[in-house]
Amino acid sequence: MADDQITAGNIAKELGASPAQVKKAIEALKLAPVARKGACSYYSREQVRKIKGALK
């Protein structure tokens, strides 16, 4: 797995937001995960920047 892929839970930790806030931002932006492994969805660093902008 590439280092530039991150789960929604880890995005929340990194941005200091709750997982629910991150999930709502992902849904509002209609972002699709770049990869899936089992039940986990992974997002790119580009998507993290968009999520960060949506949380402000």
PDB file of N, CA and C in Angstrom:
ATOM      1  N   MET A   1       0.852  -1.182   0.000  1.00  0.00           N
ATOM      2  CA  MET A   1       0.000   0.000   0.000  1.00  0.00           C
ATOM      3  C   MET A   1       0.889   1.233   0.000  1.00  0.00           C
ATOM      4  N   ALA A   2       0.548   2.187  -0.799  1.00  0.00           N
ATOM      5  CA  ALA A   2       1.349   3.403  -0.912  1.00  0.00           C
ATOM      6  C   ALA A   2       1.207   4.267   0.338  1.00  0.00           C
ATOM      7  N   ASP A   3       2.254   4.989   0.658  1.00  0.00           N
ATOM      8  CA  ASP A   3       2.242   5.862   1.828  1.00  0.00           C
ATOM      9  C   ASP A   3       1.305   7.048   1.658  1.00  0.00           C
ATOM     10  N   ASP A   4       0.928   7.355   0.436  1.00  0.00           N
ATOM     11  CA  ASP A   4       0.089   8.520   0.201  1.00  0.00           C
ATOM     12  C   ASP A   4      -1.402   8.201   0.308  1.00  0.00           C
ATOM     13  N   GLN A   5      -1.738   7.008   0.750  1.00  0.00           N
ATOM     14  CA  GLN A   5      -3.139   6.630   0.945  1.00  0.00           C
ATOM     15  C   GLN A   5      -3.422   6.519   2.427  1.00  0.00           C
ATOM     16  N   ILE A   6      -4.573   7.031   2.850  1.00  0.00           N
ATOM     17  CA  ILE A   6      -4.894   7.135   4.262  1.00  0.00           C
ATOM     18  C   ILE A   6      -6.384   6.863   4.470  1.00  0.00           C
ATOM     19  N   THR A   7      -6.720   6.238   5.591  1.00  0.00           N
ATOM     20  CA  THR A   7      -8.114   5.930   5.885  1.00  0.00           C
ATOM     21  C   THR A   7      -8.816   7.158   6.461  1.00  0.00           C
ATOM     22  N   ALA A   8     -10.141   7.145   6.449  1.00  0.00           N
ATOM     23  CA  ALA A   8     -10.921   8.261   6.980  1.00  0.00           C
ATOM     24  C   ALA A   8     -10.629   8.475   8.468  1.00  0.00           C
ATOM     25  N   GLY A   9     -10.465   7.393   9.222  1.00  0.00           N
ATOM     26  CA  GLY A   9     -10.162   7.512  10.647  1.00  0.00           C
ATOM     27  C   GLY A   9      -8.830   8.199  10.886  1.00  0.00           C
ATOM     28  N   ASN A  10      -7.839   7.861  10.080  1.00  0.00           N
ATOM     29  CA  ASN A  10      -6.531   8.497  10.216  1.00  0.00           C
ATOM     30  C   ASN A  10      -6.550   9.936   9.713  1.00  0.00           C
ATOM     31  N   ILE A  11      -7.398  10.229   8.741  1.00  0.00           N
ATOM     32  CA  ILE A  11      -7.568  11.613   8.290  1.00  0.00           C
ATOM     33  C   ILE A  11      -8.104  12.443   9.453  1.00  0.00           C
ATOM     34  N   ALA A  12      -9.088  11.904  10.164  1.00  0.00           N
ATOM     35  CA  ALA A  12      -9.675  12.609  11.308  1.00  0.00           C
ATOM     36  C   ALA A  12      -8.612  12.900  12.362  1.00  0.00           C
ATOM     37  N   LYS A  13      -7.788  11.911  12.680  1.00  0.00           N
ATOM     38  CA  LYS A  13      -6.715  12.114  13.666  1.00  0.00           C
ATOM     39  C   LYS A  13      -5.738  13.178  13.203  1.00  0.00           C
ATOM     40  N   GLU A  14      -5.362  13.106  11.935  1.00  0.00           N
ATOM     41  CA  GLU A  14      -4.388  14.040  11.375  1.00  0.00           C
ATOM     42  C   GLU A  14      -4.900  15.475  11.375  1.00  0.00           C
ATOM     43  N   LEU A  15      -6.196  15.645  11.095  1.00  0.00           N
ATOM     44  CA  LEU A  15      -6.775  16.981  10.992  1.00  0.00           C
ATOM     45  C   LEU A  15      -7.355  17.472  12.314  1.00  0.00           C
ATOM     46  N   GLY A  16      -7.383  16.623  13.325  1.00  0.00           N
ATOM     47  CA  GLY A  16      -7.943  17.014  14.619  1.00  0.00           C
ATOM     48  C   GLY A  16      -9.452  17.161  14.582  1.00  0.00           C
ATOM     49  N   ALA A  17     -10.099  16.381  13.740  1.00  0.00           N
ATOM     50  CA  ALA A  17     -11.555  16.417  13.600  1.00  0.00           C
ATOM     51  C   ALA A  17     -12.125  15.074  14.045  1.00  0.00           C
ATOM     52  N   SER A  18     -13.426  15.030  14.222  1.00  0.00           N
ATOM     53  CA  SER A  18     -14.053  13.765  14.581  1.00  0.00           C
ATOM     54  C   SER A  18     -14.234  12.920  13.315  1.00  0.00           C
ATOM     55  N   PRO A  19     -14.266  11.599  13.473  1.00  0.00           N
ATOM     56  CA  PRO A  19     -14.517  10.742  12.306  1.00  0.00           C
ATOM     57  C   PRO A  19     -15.837  11.072  11.613  1.00  0.00           C
ATOM     58  N   ALA A  20     -16.855  11.457  12.389  1.00  0.00           N
ATOM     59  CA  ALA A  20     -18.154  11.797  11.800  1.00  0.00           C
ATOM     60  C   ALA A  20     -18.044  13.039  10.912  1.00  0.00           C
ATOM     61  N   GLN A  21     -17.269  14.033  11.347  1.00  0.00           N
ATOM     62  CA  GLN A  21     -17.080  15.241  10.540  1.00  0.00           C
ATOM     63  C   GLN A  21     -16.388  14.903   9.226  1.00  0.00           C
ATOM     64  N   VAL A  22     -15.392  14.039   9.297  1.00  0.00           N
ATOM     65  CA  VAL A  22     -14.661  13.643   8.094  1.00  0.00           C
ATOM     66  C   VAL A  22     -15.591  12.869   7.156  1.00  0.00           C
ATOM     67  N   LYS A  23     -16.379  11.965   7.709  1.00  0.00           N
ATOM     68  CA  LYS A  23     -17.318  11.190   6.890  1.00  0.00           C
ATOM     69  C   LYS A  23     -18.316  12.102   6.185  1.00  0.00           C
ATOM     70  N   LYS A  24     -18.836  13.093   6.902  1.00  0.00           N
ATOM     71  CA  LYS A  24     -19.790  14.033   6.300  1.00  0.00           C
ATOM     72  C   LYS A  24     -19.125  14.846   5.198  1.00  0.00           C
ATOM     73  N   ALA A  25     -17.867  15.250   5.407  1.00  0.00           N
ATOM     74  CA  ALA A  25     -17.148  16.013   4.384  1.00  0.00           C
ATOM     75  C   ALA A  25     -16.922  15.161   3.140  1.00  0.00           C
ATOM     76  N   ILE A  26     -16.561  13.898   3.339  1.00  0.00           N
ATOM     77  CA  ILE A  26     -16.350  12.986   2.211  1.00  0.00           C
ATOM     78  C   ILE A  26     -17.645  12.820   1.417  1.00  0.00           C
ATOM     79  N   GLU A  27     -18.758  12.664   2.123  1.00  0.00           N
ATOM     80  CA  GLU A  27     -20.051  12.510   1.445  1.00  0.00           C
ATOM     81  C   GLU A  27     -20.454  13.788   0.733  1.00  0.00           C
ATOM     82  N   ALA A  28     -20.237  14.943   1.381  1.00  0.00           N
ATOM     83  CA  ALA A  28     -20.610  16.226   0.776  1.00  0.00           C
ATOM     84  C   ALA A  28     -19.803  16.491  -0.491  1.00  0.00           C
ATOM     85  N   LEU A  29     -18.534  16.108  -0.481  1.00  0.00           N
ATOM     86  CA  LEU A  29     -17.668  16.306  -1.642  1.00  0.00           C
ATOM     87  C   LEU A  29     -17.812  15.196  -2.682  1.00  0.00           C
ATOM     88  N   LYS A  30     -18.567  14.164  -2.323  1.00  0.00           N
ATOM     89  CA  LYS A  30     -18.795  13.007  -3.204  1.00  0.00           C
ATOM     90  C   LYS A  30     -17.466  12.377  -3.641  1.00  0.00           C
ATOM     91  N   LEU A  31     -16.560  12.201  -2.664  1.00  0.00           N
ATOM     92  CA  LEU A  31     -15.260  11.611  -2.951  1.00  0.00           C
ATOM     93  C   LEU A  31     -15.350  10.088  -2.943  1.00  0.00           C
ATOM     94  N   ALA A  32     -14.739   9.476  -3.917  1.00  0.00           N
ATOM     95  CA  ALA A  32     -14.656   8.015  -3.968  1.00  0.00           C
ATOM     96  C   ALA A  32     -13.271   7.605  -3.493  1.00  0.00           C
ATOM     97  N   PRO A  33     -13.177   6.530  -2.741  1.00  0.00           N
ATOM     98  CA  PRO A  33     -11.858   6.087  -2.288  1.00  0.00           C
ATOM     99  C   PRO A  33     -10.980   5.681  -3.473  1.00  0.00           C
ATOM    100  N   VAL A  34      -9.675   5.915  -3.333  1.00  0.00           N
ATOM    101  CA  VAL A  34      -8.751   5.514  -4.395  1.00  0.00           C
ATOM    102  C   VAL A  34      -8.433   4.029  -4.311  1.00  0.00           C
ATOM    103  N   ALA A  35      -8.666   3.437  -3.136  1.00  0.00           N
ATOM    104  CA  ALA A  35      -8.423   2.002  -2.952  1.00  0.00           C
ATOM    105  C   ALA A  35      -9.318   1.493  -1.826  1.00  0.00           C
ATOM    106  N   ARG A  36      -9.581   0.202  -1.877  1.00  0.00           N
ATOM    107  CA  ARG A  36     -10.349  -0.455  -0.809  1.00  0.00           C
ATOM    108  C   ARG A  36      -9.623  -1.737  -0.449  1.00  0.00           C
ATOM    109  N   LYS A  37      -9.577  -2.010   0.846  1.00  0.00           N
ATOM    110  CA  LYS A  37      -9.016  -3.274   1.310  1.00  0.00           C
ATOM    111  C   LYS A  37      -9.943  -3.759   2.409  1.00  0.00           C
ATOM    112  N   GLY A  38     -10.702  -4.791   2.115  1.00  0.00           N
ATOM    113  CA  GLY A  38     -11.709  -5.249   3.063  1.00  0.00           C
ATOM    114  C   GLY A  38     -12.758  -4.169   3.246  1.00  0.00           C
ATOM    115  N   ALA A  39     -13.025  -3.814   4.496  1.00  0.00           N
ATOM    116  CA  ALA A  39     -14.016  -2.785   4.795  1.00  0.00           C
ATOM    117  C   ALA A  39     -13.413  -1.391   4.814  1.00  0.00           C
ATOM    118  N   CYS A  40     -12.105  -1.268   4.655  1.00  0.00           N
ATOM    119  CA  CYS A  40     -11.417   0.022   4.752  1.00  0.00           C
ATOM    120  C   CYS A  40     -11.343   0.713   3.394  1.00  0.00           C
ATOM    121  N   SER A  41     -11.641   2.000   3.400  1.00  0.00           N
ATOM    122  CA  SER A  41     -11.494   2.829   2.212  1.00  0.00           C
ATOM    123  C   SER A  41     -10.285   3.716   2.408  1.00  0.00           C
ATOM    124  N   TYR A  42      -9.501   3.864   1.367  1.00  0.00           N
ATOM    125  CA  TYR A  42      -8.292   4.677   1.437  1.00  0.00           C
ATOM    126  C   TYR A  42      -8.426   5.866   0.498  1.00  0.00           C
ATOM    127  N   TYR A  43      -7.976   7.017   0.981  1.00  0.00           N
ATOM    128  CA  TYR A  43      -8.082   8.261   0.224  1.00  0.00           C
ATOM    129  C   TYR A  43      -6.692   8.824  -0.039  1.00  0.00           C
ATOM    130  N   SER A  44      -6.556   9.581  -1.122  1.00  0.00           N
ATOM    131  CA  SER A  44      -5.263  10.155  -1.511  1.00  0.00           C
ATOM    132  C   SER A  44      -5.005  11.444  -0.739  1.00  0.00           C
ATOM    133  N   ARG A  45      -3.755  11.883  -0.768  1.00  0.00           N
ATOM    134  CA  ARG A  45      -3.387  13.151  -0.112  1.00  0.00           C
ATOM    135  C   ARG A  45      -4.100  14.330  -0.762  1.00  0.00           C
ATOM    136  N   GLU A  46      -4.355  14.249  -2.048  1.00  0.00           N
ATOM    137  CA  GLU A  46      -5.120  15.298  -2.749  1.00  0.00           C
ATOM    138  C   GLU A  46      -6.526  15.391  -2.161  1.00  0.00           C
ATOM    139  N   GLN A  47      -7.145  14.241  -1.919  1.00  0.00           N
ATOM    140  CA  GLN A  47      -8.476  14.221  -1.328  1.00  0.00           C
ATOM    141  C   GLN A  47      -8.445  14.734   0.109  1.00  0.00           C
ATOM    142  N   VAL A  48      -7.369  14.450   0.845  1.00  0.00           N
ATOM    143  CA  VAL A  48      -7.237  14.950   2.218  1.00  0.00           C
ATOM    144  C   VAL A  48      -7.251  16.475   2.209  1.00  0.00           C
ATOM    145  N   ARG A  49      -6.584  17.098   1.246  1.00  0.00           N
ATOM    146  CA  ARG A  49      -6.574  18.556   1.153  1.00  0.00           C
ATOM    147  C   ARG A  49      -7.998  19.079   0.920  1.00  0.00           C
ATOM    148  N   LYS A  50      -8.772  18.396   0.085  1.00  0.00           N
ATOM    149  CA  LYS A  50     -10.164  18.809  -0.158  1.00  0.00           C
ATOM    150  C   LYS A  50     -11.007  18.649   1.087  1.00  0.00           C
ATOM    151  N   ILE A  51     -10.804  17.561   1.818  1.00  0.00           N
ATOM    152  CA  ILE A  51     -11.550  17.322   3.048  1.00  0.00           C
ATOM    153  C   ILE A  51     -11.203  18.396   4.069  1.00  0.00           C
ATOM    154  N   LYS A  52      -9.931  18.720   4.182  1.00  0.00           N
ATOM    155  CA  LYS A  52      -9.484  19.749   5.128  1.00  0.00           C
ATOM    156  C   LYS A  52     -10.174  21.082   4.819  1.00  0.00           C
ATOM    157  N   GLY A  53     -10.262  21.425   3.548  1.00  0.00           N
ATOM    158  CA  GLY A  53     -10.935  22.661   3.140  1.00  0.00           C
ATOM    159  C   GLY A  53     -12.417  22.640   3.472  1.00  0.00           C
ATOM    160  N   ALA A  54     -13.040  21.483   3.360  1.00  0.00           N
ATOM    161  CA  ALA A  54     -14.472  21.374   3.634  1.00  0.00           C
ATOM    162  C   ALA A  54     -14.760  21.446   5.127  1.00  0.00           C
ATOM    163  N   LEU A  55     -13.796  21.129   5.960  1.00  0.00           N
ATOM    164  CA  LEU A  55     -14.009  21.148   7.410  1.00  0.00           C
ATOM    165  C   LEU A  55     -13.914  22.552   8.001  1.00  0.00           C
ATOM    166  N   LYS A  56     -13.364  23.488   7.247  1.00  0.00           N
ATOM    167  CA  LYS A  56     -13.196  24.853   7.782  1.00  0.00           C
ATOM    168  C   LYS A  56     -14.464  25.646   7.711  1.00  0.00           C
TER     169      LYS A  56
END
